[in-house]
Amino acid sequence: MLDIASHSYTPKSFGKFKYLYRIMGILGRIKDKQRIAVQAISCLRHNSLAVLEKINCPTLVIGAEEDDVLGVEASLEFHHHIKDSQLTILPDCGHALYEKHKDFQKRVLVFLES
C-alpha cells in the first residue's frame, strides 16, 4: 500500500497521510494473488492507442504535472490519439488527481458545460 501511495500522490500529500496508508495496507491485504497477477499482465499487454483513435465524442484528458505512474507524456499521447480532445495538466498534483479536487472538479465542470 505504501508503495502504491508513494507513486500516486505528491510527496507533500503522501507525507501528510502516510499513517493512513499504513492502516489501509494492514486492513486491505491481497486475498487472491493470482487475480492480481492476471490483471498486471493484462495491463502490460493491452494496447489502448488503437482504441483511442476510435473515440469520436468530446473528450477531456486530464494529466498531472507530478504523475509518477504514467507521467505527463501519457496524457500528451492520449491527447494526440483522441481527435479534437482537450488537454489540461494539473500543477502540483500526482497520479491521484483528486489531490487537487477543487481544480479538478472545476475543469471537469467547465468541460461538461461547454
PDB file of N, CA and C in Angstrom:
ATOM      1  N   MET A   1       0.814  -1.193   0.000  1.00  0.00           N
ATOM      2  CA  MET A   1       0.000   0.000   0.000  1.00  0.00           C
ATOM      3  C   MET A   1       0.862   1.263   0.000  1.00  0.00           C
ATOM      4  N   LEU A   2       1.920   1.245   0.792  1.00  0.00           N
ATOM      5  CA  LEU A   2       2.788   2.424   0.846  1.00  0.00           C
ATOM      6  C   LEU A   2       3.456   2.687  -0.495  1.00  0.00           C
ATOM      7  N   ASP A   3       3.841   1.619  -1.199  1.00  0.00           N
ATOM      8  CA  ASP A   3       4.493   1.787  -2.493  1.00  0.00           C
ATOM      9  C   ASP A   3       3.540   2.420  -3.496  1.00  0.00           C
ATOM     10  N   ILE A   4       2.322   1.918  -3.563  1.00  0.00           N
ATOM     11  CA  ILE A   4       1.331   2.470  -4.488  1.00  0.00           C
ATOM     12  C   ILE A   4       1.047   3.927  -4.136  1.00  0.00           C
ATOM     13  N   ALA A   5       0.835   4.198  -2.865  1.00  0.00           N
ATOM     14  CA  ALA A   5       0.523   5.563  -2.429  1.00  0.00           C
ATOM     15  C   ALA A   5       1.675   6.515  -2.715  1.00  0.00           C
ATOM     16  N   SER A   6       2.899   6.063  -2.514  1.00  0.00           N
ATOM     17  CA  SER A   6       4.045   6.951  -2.740  1.00  0.00           C
ATOM     18  C   SER A   6       4.185   7.345  -4.200  1.00  0.00           C
ATOM     19  N   HIS A   7       3.661   6.528  -5.105  1.00  0.00           N
ATOM     20  CA  HIS A   7       3.712   6.849  -6.533  1.00  0.00           C
ATOM     21  C   HIS A   7       2.452   7.567  -7.010  1.00  0.00           C
ATOM     22  N   SER A   8       1.388   7.516  -6.238  1.00  0.00           N
ATOM     23  CA  SER A   8       0.123   8.125  -6.646  1.00  0.00           C
ATOM     24  C   SER A   8      -0.025   9.567  -6.186  1.00  0.00           C
ATOM     25  N   TYR A   9       0.635   9.914  -5.093  1.00  0.00           N
ATOM     26  CA  TYR A   9       0.481  11.239  -4.511  1.00  0.00           C
ATOM     27  C   TYR A   9       1.788  12.018  -4.576  1.00  0.00           C
ATOM     28  N   THR A  10       1.674  13.333  -4.493  1.00  0.00           N
ATOM     29  CA  THR A  10       2.873  14.158  -4.398  1.00  0.00           C
ATOM     30  C   THR A  10       3.526  13.893  -3.040  1.00  0.00           C
ATOM     31  N   PRO A  11       4.820  14.159  -2.913  1.00  0.00           N
ATOM     32  CA  PRO A  11       5.481  13.947  -1.614  1.00  0.00           C
ATOM     33  C   PRO A  11       4.781  14.674  -0.464  1.00  0.00           C
ATOM     34  N   LYS A  12       4.265  15.852  -0.728  1.00  0.00           N
ATOM     35  CA  LYS A  12       3.571  16.615   0.315  1.00  0.00           C
ATOM     36  C   LYS A  12       2.325  15.870   0.800  1.00  0.00           C
ATOM     37  N   SER A  13       1.478  15.418  -0.126  1.00  0.00           N
ATOM     38  CA  SER A  13       0.258  14.699   0.258  1.00  0.00           C
ATOM     39  C   SER A  13       0.577  13.351   0.876  1.00  0.00           C
ATOM     40  N   PHE A  14       1.556  12.662   0.326  1.00  0.00           N
ATOM     41  CA  PHE A  14       1.933  11.350   0.859  1.00  0.00           C
ATOM     42  C   PHE A  14       2.391  11.476   2.309  1.00  0.00           C
ATOM     43  N   GLY A  15       3.226  12.462   2.576  1.00  0.00           N
ATOM     44  CA  GLY A  15       3.713  12.658   3.937  1.00  0.00           C
ATOM     45  C   GLY A  15       2.606  13.007   4.916  1.00  0.00           C
ATOM     46  N   LYS A  16       1.636  13.753   4.437  1.00  0.00           N
ATOM     47  CA  LYS A  16       0.534  14.198   5.289  1.00  0.00           C
ATOM     48  C   LYS A  16      -0.342  13.035   5.758  1.00  0.00           C
ATOM     49  N   PHE A  17      -0.543  12.044   4.894  1.00  0.00           N
ATOM     50  CA  PHE A  17      -1.463  10.951   5.210  1.00  0.00           C
ATOM     51  C   PHE A  17      -0.786   9.587   5.296  1.00  0.00           C
ATOM     52  N   LYS A  18       0.518   9.563   5.429  1.00  0.00           N
ATOM     53  CA  LYS A  18       1.265   8.299   5.425  1.00  0.00           C
ATOM     54  C   LYS A  18       0.747   7.310   6.472  1.00  0.00           C
ATOM     55  N   TYR A  19       0.380   7.794   7.630  1.00  0.00           N
ATOM     56  CA  TYR A  19      -0.118   6.897   8.683  1.00  0.00           C
ATOM     57  C   TYR A  19      -1.397   6.174   8.258  1.00  0.00           C
ATOM     58  N   LEU A  20      -2.246   6.839   7.464  1.00  0.00           N
ATOM     59  CA  LEU A  20      -3.474   6.194   6.986  1.00  0.00           C
ATOM     60  C   LEU A  20      -3.175   5.082   5.988  1.00  0.00           C
ATOM     61  N   TYR A  21      -2.165   5.287   5.156  1.00  0.00           N
ATOM     62  CA  TYR A  21      -1.815   4.268   4.171  1.00  0.00           C
ATOM     63  C   TYR A  21      -1.310   3.010   4.860  1.00  0.00           C
ATOM     64  N   ARG A  22      -0.613   3.177   5.958  1.00  0.00           N
ATOM     65  CA  ARG A  22      -0.150   2.007   6.726  1.00  0.00           C
ATOM     66  C   ARG A  22      -1.347   1.207   7.245  1.00  0.00           C
ATOM     67  N   ILE A  23      -2.331   1.896   7.784  1.00  0.00           N
ATOM     68  CA  ILE A  23      -3.535   1.228   8.291  1.00  0.00           C
ATOM     69  C   ILE A  23      -4.282   0.544   7.153  1.00  0.00           C
ATOM     70  N   MET A  24      -4.445   1.235   6.035  1.00  0.00           N
ATOM     71  CA  MET A  24      -5.134   0.649   4.882  1.00  0.00           C
ATOM     72  C   MET A  24      -4.387  -0.574   4.370  1.00  0.00           C
ATOM     73  N   GLY A  25      -3.064  -0.533   4.414  1.00  0.00           N
ATOM     74  CA  GLY A  25      -2.263  -1.675   3.989  1.00  0.00           C
ATOM     75  C   GLY A  25      -2.479  -2.890   4.865  1.00  0.00           C
ATOM     76  N   ILE A  26      -2.648  -2.668   6.143  1.00  0.00           N
ATOM     77  CA  ILE A  26      -2.894  -3.774   7.073  1.00  0.00           C
ATOM     78  C   ILE A  26      -4.290  -4.352   6.852  1.00  0.00           C
ATOM     79  N   LEU A  27      -5.275  -3.484   6.681  1.00  0.00           N
ATOM     80  CA  LEU A  27      -6.660  -3.936   6.532  1.00  0.00           C
ATOM     81  C   LEU A  27      -6.968  -4.475   5.137  1.00  0.00           C
ATOM     82  N   GLY A  28      -6.259  -4.015   4.142  1.00  0.00           N
ATOM     83  CA  GLY A  28      -6.576  -4.374   2.761  1.00  0.00           C
ATOM     84  C   GLY A  28      -5.595  -5.338   2.126  1.00  0.00           C
ATOM     85  N   ARG A  29      -5.229  -6.368   2.822  1.00  0.00           N
ATOM     86  CA  ARG A  29      -4.288  -7.360   2.285  1.00  0.00           C
ATOM     87  C   ARG A  29      -4.858  -8.033   1.035  1.00  0.00           C
ATOM     88  N   ILE A  30      -3.976  -8.358   0.098  1.00  0.00           N
ATOM     89  CA  ILE A  30      -4.371  -9.048  -1.130  1.00  0.00           C
ATOM     90  C   ILE A  30      -4.829 -10.458  -0.777  1.00  0.00           C
ATOM     91  N   LYS A  31      -6.040 -10.787  -1.206  1.00  0.00           N
ATOM     92  CA  LYS A  31      -6.600 -12.101  -0.893  1.00  0.00           C
ATOM     93  C   LYS A  31      -6.357 -13.114  -2.010  1.00  0.00           C
ATOM     94  N   ASP A  32      -6.297 -12.628  -3.248  1.00  0.00           N
ATOM     95  CA  ASP A  32      -6.127 -13.531  -4.385  1.00  0.00           C
ATOM     96  C   ASP A  32      -4.970 -13.021  -5.245  1.00  0.00           C
ATOM     97  N   LYS A  33      -3.781 -13.519  -4.986  1.00  0.00           N
ATOM     98  CA  LYS A  33      -2.586 -13.060  -5.704  1.00  0.00           C
ATOM     99  C   LYS A  33      -2.636 -13.435  -7.184  1.00  0.00           C
ATOM    100  N   GLN A  34      -3.298 -14.522  -7.516  1.00  0.00           N
ATOM    101  CA  GLN A  34      -3.424 -14.942  -8.916  1.00  0.00           C
ATOM    102  C   GLN A  34      -4.206 -13.894  -9.713  1.00  0.00           C
ATOM    103  N   ARG A  35      -5.266 -13.365  -9.126  1.00  0.00           N
ATOM    104  CA  ARG A  35      -6.076 -12.353  -9.805  1.00  0.00           C
ATOM    105  C   ARG A  35      -5.246 -11.094 -10.063  1.00  0.00           C
ATOM    106  N   ILE A  36      -4.450 -10.706  -9.092  1.00  0.00           N
ATOM    107  CA  ILE A  36      -3.582  -9.534  -9.250  1.00  0.00           C
ATOM    108  C   ILE A  36      -2.580  -9.771 -10.376  1.00  0.00           C
ATOM    109  N   ALA A  37      -2.025 -10.972 -10.445  1.00  0.00           N
ATOM    110  CA  ALA A  37      -1.054 -11.306 -11.494  1.00  0.00           C
ATOM    111  C   ALA A  37      -1.701 -11.223 -12.870  1.00  0.00           C
ATOM    112  N   VAL A  38      -2.905 -11.748 -13.017  1.00  0.00           N
ATOM    113  CA  VAL A  38      -3.616 -11.707 -14.300  1.00  0.00           C
ATOM    114  C   VAL A  38      -3.881 -10.260 -14.705  1.00  0.00           C
ATOM    115  N   GLN A  39      -4.316  -9.443 -13.764  1.00  0.00           N
ATOM    116  CA  GLN A  39      -4.586  -8.036 -14.066  1.00  0.00           C
ATOM    117  C   GLN A  39      -3.307  -7.290 -14.454  1.00  0.00           C
ATOM    118  N   ALA A  40      -2.217  -7.575 -13.774  1.00  0.00           N
ATOM    119  CA  ALA A  40      -0.947  -6.911 -14.084  1.00  0.00           C
ATOM    120  C   ALA A  40      -0.471  -7.275 -15.488  1.00  0.00           C
ATOM    121  N   ILE A  41      -0.557  -8.542 -15.832  1.00  0.00           N
ATOM    122  CA  ILE A  41      -0.154  -8.987 -17.173  1.00  0.00           C
ATOM    123  C   ILE A  41      -1.042  -8.346 -18.229  1.00  0.00           C
ATOM    124  N   SER A  42      -2.339  -8.260 -17.968  1.00  0.00           N
ATOM    125  CA  SER A  42      -3.261  -7.628 -18.913  1.00  0.00           C
ATOM    126  C   SER A  42      -2.895  -6.164 -19.137  1.00  0.00           C
ATOM    127  N   CYS A  43      -2.544  -5.473 -18.074  1.00  0.00           N
ATOM    128  CA  CYS A  43      -2.145  -4.063 -18.199  1.00  0.00           C
ATOM    129  C   CYS A  43      -0.908  -3.914 -19.077  1.00  0.00           C
ATOM    130  N   LEU A  44       0.029  -4.821 -18.923  1.00  0.00           N
ATOM    131  CA  LEU A  44       1.270  -4.744 -19.690  1.00  0.00           C
ATOM    132  C   LEU A  44       1.063  -5.077 -21.161  1.00  0.00           C
ATOM    133  N   ARG A  45       0.131  -5.953 -21.459  1.00  0.00           N
ATOM    134  CA  ARG A  45      -0.073  -6.415 -22.842  1.00  0.00           C
ATOM    135  C   ARG A  45      -1.112  -5.617 -23.618  1.00  0.00           C
ATOM    136  N   HIS A  46      -1.962  -4.898 -22.933  1.00  0.00           N
ATOM    137  CA  HIS A  46      -3.056  -4.183 -23.597  1.00  0.00           C
ATOM    138  C   HIS A  46      -2.533  -2.930 -24.291  1.00  0.00           C
ATOM    139  N   ASN A  47      -2.897  -2.767 -25.551  1.00  0.00           N
ATOM    140  CA  ASN A  47      -2.508  -1.581 -26.314  1.00  0.00           C
ATOM    141  C   ASN A  47      -3.759  -0.737 -26.541  1.00  0.00           C
ATOM    142  N   SER A  48      -3.873   0.337 -25.809  1.00  0.00           N
ATOM    143  CA  SER A  48      -5.072   1.170 -25.907  1.00  0.00           C
ATOM    144  C   SER A  48      -4.981   2.230 -27.003  1.00  0.00           C
ATOM    145  N   LEU A  49      -3.820   2.429 -27.589  1.00  0.00           N
ATOM    146  CA  LEU A  49      -3.679   3.505 -28.573  1.00  0.00           C
ATOM    147  C   LEU A  49      -4.592   3.315 -29.777  1.00  0.00           C
ATOM    148  N   ALA A  50      -4.739   2.098 -30.259  1.00  0.00           N
ATOM    149  CA  ALA A  50      -5.614   1.851 -31.407  1.00  0.00           C
ATOM    150  C   ALA A  50      -7.067   2.154 -31.061  1.00  0.00           C
ATOM    151  N   VAL A  51      -7.455   1.863 -29.848  1.00  0.00           N
ATOM    152  CA  VAL A  51      -8.826   2.120 -29.407  1.00  0.00           C
ATOM    153  C   VAL A  51      -9.063   3.620 -29.238  1.00  0.00           C
ATOM    154  N   LEU A  52      -8.064   4.335 -28.760  1.00  0.00           N
ATOM    155  CA  LEU A  52      -8.215   5.772 -28.543  1.00  0.00           C
ATOM    156  C   LEU A  52      -8.581   6.498 -29.830  1.00  0.00           C
ATOM    157  N   GLU A  53      -8.035   6.062 -30.932  1.00  0.00           N
ATOM    158  CA  GLU A  53      -8.304   6.723 -32.212  1.00  0.00           C
ATOM    159  C   GLU A  53      -9.739   6.524 -32.689  1.00  0.00           C
ATOM    160  N   LYS A  54     -10.457   5.588 -32.091  1.00  0.00           N
ATOM    161  CA  LYS A  54     -11.858   5.348 -32.449  1.00  0.00           C
ATOM    162  C   LYS A  54     -12.821   6.248 -31.678  1.00  0.00           C
ATOM    163  N   ILE A  55     -12.331   6.948 -30.683  1.00  0.00           N
ATOM    164  CA  ILE A  55     -13.186   7.831 -29.885  1.00  0.00           C
ATOM    165  C   ILE A  55     -13.570   9.038 -30.732  1.00  0.00           C
ATOM    166  N   ASN A  56     -14.869   9.298 -30.836  1.00  0.00           N
ATOM    167  CA  ASN A  56     -15.322  10.408 -31.675  1.00  0.00           C
ATOM    168  C   ASN A  56     -16.322  11.306 -30.949  1.00  0.00           C
ATOM    169  N   CYS A  57     -16.188  11.410 -29.666  1.00  0.00           N
ATOM    170  CA  CYS A  57     -17.042  12.298 -28.879  1.00  0.00           C
ATOM    171  C   CYS A  57     -16.149  13.275 -28.111  1.00  0.00           C
ATOM    172  N   PRO A  58     -16.720  14.355 -27.618  1.00  0.00           N
ATOM    173  CA  PRO A  58     -15.904  15.304 -26.851  1.00  0.00           C
ATOM    174  C   PRO A  58     -15.189  14.602 -25.696  1.00  0.00           C
ATOM    175  N   THR A  59     -13.906  14.851 -25.589  1.00  0.00           N
ATOM    176  CA  THR A  59     -13.091  14.157 -24.590  1.00  0.00           C
ATOM    177  C   THR A  59     -12.152  15.138 -23.901  1.00  0.00           C
ATOM    178  N   LEU A  60     -12.111  15.032 -22.586  1.00  0.00           N
ATOM    179  CA  LEU A  60     -11.189  15.827 -21.788  1.00  0.00           C
ATOM    180  C   LEU A  60     -10.139  14.894 -21.211  1.00  0.00           C
ATOM    181  N   VAL A  61      -8.895  15.159 -21.528  1.00  0.00           N
ATOM    182  CA  VAL A  61      -7.776  14.392 -20.974  1.00  0.00           C
ATOM    183  C   VAL A  61      -7.161  15.247 -19.877  1.00  0.00           C
ATOM    184  N   ILE A  62      -7.145  14.716 -18.661  1.00  0.00           N
ATOM    185  CA  ILE A  62      -6.563  15.452 -17.540  1.00  0.00           C
ATOM    186  C   ILE A  62      -5.351  14.684 -17.039  1.00  0.00           C
ATOM    187  N   GLY A  63      -4.229  15.353 -17.045  1.00  0.00           N
ATOM    188  CA  GLY A  63      -2.999  14.759 -16.544  1.00  0.00           C
ATOM    189  C   GLY A  63      -2.512  15.512 -15.322  1.00  0.00           C
ATOM    190  N   ALA A  64      -1.434  15.024 -14.749  1.00  0.00           N
ATOM    191  CA  ALA A  64      -0.876  15.637 -13.549  1.00  0.00           C
ATOM    192  C   ALA A  64       0.607  15.910 -13.754  1.00  0.00           C
ATOM    193  N   GLU A  65       1.006  17.094 -13.369  1.00  0.00           N
ATOM    194  CA  GLU A  65       2.387  17.540 -13.538  1.00  0.00           C
ATOM    195  C   GLU A  65       3.389  16.615 -12.841  1.00  0.00           C
ATOM    196  N   GLU A  66       3.012  16.062 -11.691  1.00  0.00           N
ATOM    197  CA  GLU A  66       3.919  15.215 -10.921  1.00  0.00           C
ATOM    198  C   GLU A  66       3.461  13.754 -10.909  1.00  0.00           C
ATOM    199  N   ASP A  67       2.823  13.308 -11.996  1.00  0.00           N
ATOM    200  CA  ASP A  67       2.338  11.928 -12.089  1.00  0.00           C
ATOM    201  C   ASP A  67       3.523  10.979 -12.182  1.00  0.00           C
ATOM    202  N   ASP A  68       3.742  10.219 -11.135  1.00  0.00           N
ATOM    203  CA  ASP A  68       4.867   9.287 -11.063  1.00  0.00           C
ATOM    204  C   ASP A  68       4.491   7.898 -11.577  1.00  0.00           C
ATOM    205  N   VAL A  69       3.228   7.723 -11.980  1.00  0.00           N
ATOM    206  CA  VAL A  69       2.772   6.432 -12.502  1.00  0.00           C
ATOM    207  C   VAL A  69       2.798   6.453 -14.027  1.00  0.00           C
ATOM    208  N   LEU A  70       2.085   7.386 -14.630  1.00  0.00           N
ATOM    209  CA  LEU A  70       2.023   7.474 -16.094  1.00  0.00           C
ATOM    210  C   LEU A  70       2.892   8.585 -16.661  1.00  0.00           C
ATOM    211  N   GLY A  71       3.081   9.630 -15.895  1.00  0.00           N
ATOM    212  CA  GLY A  71       3.837  10.772 -16.385  1.00  0.00           C
ATOM    213  C   GLY A  71       2.987  11.655 -17.281  1.00  0.00           C
ATOM    214  N   VAL A  72       3.437  12.862 -17.485  1.00  0.00           N
ATOM    215  CA  VAL A  72       2.735  13.802 -18.359  1.00  0.00           C
ATOM    216  C   VAL A  72       2.720  13.274 -19.791  1.00  0.00           C
ATOM    217  N   GLU A  73       3.754  12.530 -20.151  1.00  0.00           N
ATOM    218  CA  GLU A  73       3.868  12.006 -21.514  1.00  0.00           C
ATOM    219  C   GLU A  73       2.649  11.173 -21.907  1.00  0.00           C
ATOM    220  N   ALA A  74       2.109  10.399 -20.988  1.00  0.00           N
ATOM    221  CA  ALA A  74       0.939   9.569 -21.289  1.00  0.00           C
ATOM    222  C   ALA A  74      -0.269  10.444 -21.601  1.00  0.00           C
ATOM    223  N   SER A  75      -0.449  11.508 -20.849  1.00  0.00           N
ATOM    224  CA  SER A  75      -1.564  12.423 -21.112  1.00  0.00           C
ATOM    225  C   SER A  75      -1.408  13.069 -22.483  1.00  0.00           C
ATOM    226  N   LEU A  76      -0.186  13.461 -22.805  1.00  0.00           N
ATOM    227  CA  LEU A  76       0.074  14.050 -24.123  1.00  0.00           C
ATOM    228  C   LEU A  76      -0.202  13.046 -25.235  1.00  0.00           C
ATOM    229  N   GLU A  77       0.183  11.797 -25.010  1.00  0.00           N
ATOM    230  CA  GLU A  77      -0.051  10.759 -26.018  1.00  0.00           C
ATOM    231  C   GLU A  77      -1.541  10.477 -26.184  1.00  0.00           C
ATOM    232  N   PHE A  78      -2.277  10.397 -25.085  1.00  0.00           N
ATOM    233  CA  PHE A  78      -3.731  10.200 -25.172  1.00  0.00           C
ATOM    234  C   PHE A  78      -4.355  11.347 -25.956  1.00  0.00           C
ATOM    235  N   HIS A  79      -3.975  12.570 -25.620  1.00  0.00           N
ATOM    236  CA  HIS A  79      -4.499  13.757 -26.296  1.00  0.00           C
ATOM    237  C   HIS A  79      -4.195  13.702 -27.795  1.00  0.00           C
ATOM    238  N   HIS A  80      -3.009  13.280 -28.134  1.00  0.00           N
ATOM    239  CA  HIS A  80      -2.601  13.190 -29.538  1.00  0.00           C
ATOM    240  C   HIS A  80      -3.448  12.163 -30.300  1.00  0.00           C
ATOM    241  N   HIS A  81      -3.815  11.074 -29.653  1.00  0.00           N
ATOM    242  CA  HIS A  81      -4.535   9.986 -30.327  1.00  0.00           C
ATOM    243  C   HIS A  81      -6.056  10.133 -30.293  1.00  0.00           C
ATOM    244  N   ILE A  82      -6.591  11.039 -29.489  1.00  0.00           N
ATOM    245  CA  ILE A  82      -8.040  11.245 -29.436  1.00  0.00           C
ATOM    246  C   ILE A  82      -8.357  12.534 -30.185  1.00  0.00           C
ATOM    247  N   LYS A  83      -9.000  12.382 -31.315  1.00  0.00           N
ATOM    248  CA  LYS A  83      -9.282  13.512 -32.193  1.00  0.00           C
ATOM    249  C   LYS A  83     -10.074  14.601 -31.458  1.00  0.00           C
ATOM    250  N   ASP A  84      -9.628  15.832 -31.620  1.00  0.00           N
ATOM    251  CA  ASP A  84     -10.283  17.018 -31.059  1.00  0.00           C
ATOM    252  C   ASP A  84     -10.439  16.980 -29.535  1.00  0.00           C
ATOM    253  N   SER A  85      -9.594  16.227 -28.859  1.00  0.00           N
ATOM    254  CA  SER A  85      -9.674  16.189 -27.393  1.00  0.00           C
ATOM    255  C   SER A  85      -9.098  17.475 -26.807  1.00  0.00           C
ATOM    256  N   GLN A  86      -9.505  17.759 -25.594  1.00  0.00           N
ATOM    257  CA  GLN A  86      -8.952  18.885 -24.846  1.00  0.00           C
ATOM    258  C   GLN A  86      -8.000  18.321 -23.801  1.00  0.00           C
ATOM    259  N   LEU A  87      -6.904  19.012 -23.581  1.00  0.00           N
ATOM    260  CA  LEU A  87      -5.894  18.550 -22.630  1.00  0.00           C
ATOM    261  C   LEU A  87      -5.672  19.599 -21.555  1.00  0.00           C
ATOM    262  N   THR A  88      -5.614  19.148 -20.329  1.00  0.00           N
ATOM    263  CA  THR A  88      -5.223  20.017 -19.226  1.00  0.00           C
ATOM    264  C   THR A  88      -4.307  19.228 -18.297  1.00  0.00           C
ATOM    265  N   ILE A  89      -3.282  19.879 -17.827  1.00  0.00           N
ATOM    266  CA  ILE A  89      -2.332  19.262 -16.899  1.00  0.00           C
ATOM    267  C   ILE A  89      -2.429  20.024 -15.576  1.00  0.00           C
ATOM    268  N   LEU A  90      -2.771  19.313 -14.503  1.00  0.00           N
ATOM    269  CA  LEU A  90      -2.897  19.943 -13.188  1.00  0.00           C
ATOM    270  C   LEU A  90      -1.517  20.121 -12.559  1.00  0.00           C
ATOM    271  N   PRO A  91      -1.189  21.336 -12.145  1.00  0.00           N
ATOM    272  CA  PRO A  91       0.103  21.570 -11.486  1.00  0.00           C
ATOM    273  C   PRO A  91       0.086  21.060 -10.045  1.00  0.00           C
ATOM    274  N   ASP A  92       1.256  20.771  -9.522  1.00  0.00           N
ATOM    275  CA  ASP A  92       1.399  20.351  -8.117  1.00  0.00           C
ATOM    276  C   ASP A  92       0.479  19.193  -7.765  1.00  0.00           C
ATOM    277  N   CYS A  93       0.370  18.228  -8.665  1.00  0.00           N
ATOM    278  CA  CYS A  93      -0.551  17.114  -8.468  1.00  0.00           C
ATOM    279  C   CYS A  93       0.107  15.829  -8.946  1.00  0.00           C
ATOM    280  N   GLY A  94      -0.165  14.724  -8.242  1.00  0.00           N
ATOM    281  CA  GLY A  94       0.348  13.421  -8.634  1.00  0.00           C
ATOM    282  C   GLY A  94      -0.707  12.627  -9.382  1.00  0.00           C
ATOM    283  N   HIS A  95      -0.489  11.334  -9.512  1.00  0.00           N
ATOM    284  CA  HIS A  95      -1.390  10.454 -10.258  1.00  0.00           C
ATOM    285  C   HIS A  95      -2.813  10.499  -9.699  1.00  0.00           C
ATOM    286  N   ALA A  96      -2.938  10.673  -8.402  1.00  0.00           N
ATOM    287  CA  ALA A  96      -4.255  10.768  -7.763  1.00  0.00           C
ATOM    288  C   ALA A  96      -4.773  12.196  -7.948  1.00  0.00           C
ATOM    289  N   LEU A  97      -5.481  12.414  -9.038  1.00  0.00           N
ATOM    290  CA  LEU A  97      -5.890  13.768  -9.423  1.00  0.00           C
ATOM    291  C   LEU A  97      -6.769  14.452  -8.388  1.00  0.00           C
ATOM    292  N   TYR A  98      -7.426  13.687  -7.560  1.00  0.00           N
ATOM    293  CA  TYR A  98      -8.295  14.289  -6.553  1.00  0.00           C
ATOM    294  C   TYR A  98      -7.506  14.997  -5.458  1.00  0.00           C
ATOM    295  N   GLU A  99      -6.157  14.934  -5.528  1.00  0.00           N
ATOM    296  CA  GLU A  99      -5.339  15.764  -4.634  1.00  0.00           C
ATOM    297  C   GLU A  99      -5.700  17.233  -4.824  1.00  0.00           C
ATOM    298  N   LYS A 100      -5.981  17.580  -6.049  1.00  0.00           N
ATOM    299  CA  LYS A 100      -6.353  18.954  -6.396  1.00  0.00           C
ATOM    300  C   LYS A 100      -7.839  18.959  -6.736  1.00  0.00           C
ATOM    301  N   HIS A 101      -8.640  18.403  -5.842  1.00  0.00           N
ATOM    302  CA  HIS A 101     -10.036  18.139  -6.152  1.00  0.00           C
ATOM    303  C   HIS A 101     -10.815  19.367  -6.607  1.00  0.00           C
ATOM    304  N   LYS A 102     -10.573  20.527  -6.033  1.00  0.00           N
ATOM    305  CA  LYS A 102     -11.335  21.707  -6.451  1.00  0.00           C
ATOM    306  C   LYS A 102     -10.982  22.110  -7.875  1.00  0.00           C
ATOM    307  N   ASP A 103      -9.704  22.115  -8.200  1.00  0.00           N
ATOM    308  CA  ASP A 103      -9.266  22.449  -9.556  1.00  0.00           C
ATOM    309  C   ASP A 103      -9.741  21.382 -10.536  1.00  0.00           C
ATOM    310  N   PHE A 104      -9.622  20.117 -10.146  1.00  0.00           N
ATOM    311  CA  PHE A 104     -10.075  19.000 -10.980  1.00  0.00           C
ATOM    312  C   PHE A 104     -11.569  19.135 -11.267  1.00  0.00           C
ATOM    313  N   GLN A 105     -12.371  19.334 -10.225  1.00  0.00           N
ATOM    314  CA  GLN A 105     -13.821  19.448 -10.386  1.00  0.00           C
ATOM    315  C   GLN A 105     -14.195  20.649 -11.244  1.00  0.00           C
ATOM    316  N   LYS A 106     -13.508  21.753 -11.045  1.00  0.00           N
ATOM    317  CA  LYS A 106     -13.794  22.962 -11.821  1.00  0.00           C
ATOM    318  C   LYS A 106     -13.538  22.717 -13.301  1.00  0.00           C
ATOM    319  N   ARG A 107     -12.417  22.106 -13.612  1.00  0.00           N
ATOM    320  CA  ARG A 107     -12.075  21.871 -15.022  1.00  0.00           C
ATOM    321  C   ARG A 107     -13.039  20.884 -15.681  1.00  0.00           C
ATOM    322  N   VAL A 108     -13.448  19.860 -14.933  1.00  0.00           N
ATOM    323  CA  VAL A 108     -14.418  18.901 -15.472  1.00  0.00           C
ATOM    324  C   VAL A 108     -15.761  19.594 -15.697  1.00  0.00           C
ATOM    325  N   LEU A 109     -16.193  20.394 -14.742  1.00  0.00           N
ATOM    326  CA  LEU A 109     -17.465  21.101 -14.868  1.00  0.00           C
ATOM    327  C   LEU A 109     -17.456  22.054 -16.057  1.00  0.00           C
ATOM    328  N   VAL A 110     -16.381  22.809 -16.223  1.00  0.00           N
ATOM    329  CA  VAL A 110     -16.265  23.720 -17.369  1.00  0.00           C
ATOM    330  C   VAL A 110     -16.352  22.926 -18.671  1.00  0.00           C
ATOM    331  N   PHE A 111     -15.676  21.784 -18.728  1.00  0.00           N
ATOM    332  CA  PHE A 111     -15.714  20.946 -19.930  1.00  0.00           C
ATOM    333  C   PHE A 111     -17.134  20.448 -20.195  1.00  0.00           C
ATOM    334  N   LEU A 112     -17.804  19.947 -19.164  1.00  0.00           N
ATOM    335  CA  LEU A 112     -19.150  19.400 -19.336  1.00  0.00           C
ATOM    336  C   LEU A 112     -20.164  20.467 -19.730  1.00  0.00           C
ATOM    337  N   GLU A 113     -19.940  21.685 -19.285  1.00  0.00           N
ATOM    338  CA  GLU A 113     -20.859  22.775 -19.614  1.00  0.00           C
ATOM    339  C   GLU A 113     -20.585  23.381 -20.985  1.00  0.00           C
ATOM    340  N   SER A 114     -19.456  23.050 -21.588  1.00  0.00           N
ATOM    341  CA  SER A 114     -19.119  23.644 -22.893  1.00  0.00           C
ATOM    342  C   SER A 114     -19.774  22.896 -24.038  1.00  0.00           C
TER     343      SER A 114
END
